Amino acid sequence: MLWGVPNFALTAGMSALFGAGLVSFSQMGNIFSKVVMGWLTDRLGIYVTVVLQLVLVAASMVMFMLAPSAEALCVAAFLFGF
């Protein structure tokens, strides 16, 4: 799904290089989430953790659509990695 992010950045008026950076932010979020979500799964259980991940991904999709700035897009990409 991340293959379309550089094209999304182009249509949003940004460079393909910035879009590639968004992919990198997403992967950083993915690495970070492995540790955090593993710890939460041990503490809260798998059901609560999966619901939390789905909420974070849904929030990141909304942020991608409504992001007013490049910084907001970076935060959305990081959350999308979760």
Protein backbone atom coordinates (compact mmCIF):
# COMPACT_ATOMS: atom_id res chain seq x y z
CA MET A 1 0.00 0.00 0.00
CA LEU A 2 2.93 2.33 0.55
CA TRP A 3 3.85 2.30 -3.14
CA GLY A 4 1.24 5.00 -3.76
CA VAL A 5 2.51 7.46 -1.16
CA PRO A 6 5.03 9.25 -3.43
CA ASN A 7 2.27 9.69 -6.04
CA PHE A 8 -0.02 11.01 -3.32
CA ALA A 9 2.64 13.55 -2.38
CA LEU A 10 2.89 14.64 -6.02
CA THR A 11 -0.85 15.17 -6.29
CA ALA A 12 -0.77 17.13 -3.02
CA GLY A 13 1.77 19.51 -4.56
CA MET A 14 4.85 18.10 -2.88
CA SER A 15 7.86 16.33 -4.34
CA ALA A 16 8.30 12.61 -4.90
CA LEU A 17 11.30 12.84 -2.57
CA PHE A 18 9.01 14.09 0.20
CA GLY A 19 6.69 11.18 -0.59
CA ALA A 20 9.59 8.77 -0.20
CA GLY A 21 10.29 10.43 3.15
CA LEU A 22 6.69 9.73 4.14
CA VAL A 23 7.29 6.04 3.39
CA SER A 24 10.33 6.20 5.68
CA PHE A 25 8.26 7.80 8.45
CA SER A 26 5.73 5.01 8.05
CA GLN A 27 8.42 2.38 8.42
CA MET A 28 9.80 4.12 11.52
CA GLY A 29 6.31 3.96 12.99
CA ASN A 30 6.17 0.27 12.13
CA ILE A 31 9.44 -0.43 13.94
CA PHE A 32 8.36 1.57 16.98
CA SER A 33 4.92 -0.08 17.05
CA LYS A 34 6.36 -3.60 17.30
CA VAL A 35 7.77 -2.81 20.72
CA VAL A 36 4.84 -0.73 21.97
CA MET A 37 2.09 -3.00 20.71
CA GLY A 38 3.88 -6.11 21.98
CA TRP A 39 4.08 -4.58 25.42
CA LEU A 40 0.41 -3.52 25.28
CA THR A 41 -0.64 -6.98 24.14
CA ASP A 42 1.06 -8.48 27.20
CA ARG A 43 -0.67 -5.98 29.49
CA LEU A 44 -4.13 -5.51 27.93
CA GLY A 45 -4.69 -8.53 25.71
CA ILE A 46 -4.78 -8.99 21.98
CA TYR A 47 -8.35 -7.78 21.38
CA VAL A 48 -7.81 -4.35 22.94
CA THR A 49 -4.47 -3.96 21.16
CA VAL A 50 -5.89 -4.83 17.74
CA VAL A 51 -8.77 -2.40 18.22
CA LEU A 52 -6.28 0.29 19.23
CA GLN A 53 -4.19 -0.38 16.11
CA LEU A 54 -7.27 -0.15 13.90
CA VAL A 55 -8.26 3.15 15.48
CA LEU A 56 -4.75 4.53 14.94
CA VAL A 57 -4.74 3.47 11.28
CA ALA A 58 -8.21 4.98 10.74
CA ALA A 59 -7.05 8.23 12.38
CA SER A 60 -3.99 8.29 10.14
CA MET A 61 -6.16 7.89 7.04
CA VAL A 62 -8.28 10.86 8.11
CA MET A 63 -5.10 12.83 8.81
CA PHE A 64 -3.78 12.00 5.33
CA MET A 65 -6.95 13.40 3.79
CA LEU A 66 -7.15 16.54 5.93
CA ALA A 67 -3.49 17.33 6.66
CA PRO A 68 -2.93 21.09 6.51
CA SER A 69 0.87 20.90 6.46
CA ALA A 70 3.86 18.74 5.66
CA GLU A 71 4.42 18.12 9.36
CA ALA A 72 0.90 16.76 9.74
CA LEU A 73 1.54 14.43 6.81
CA CYS A 74 4.67 13.14 8.55
CA VAL A 75 2.67 12.44 11.73
CA ALA A 76 -0.02 10.71 9.67
CA ALA A 77 2.58 8.54 7.95
CA PHE A 78 4.13 7.61 11.31
CA LEU A 79 0.72 6.62 12.70
CA PHE A 80 -0.06 4.70 9.52
CA GLY A 81 2.99 2.56 10.25
CA PHE A 82 1.38 1.35 13.45
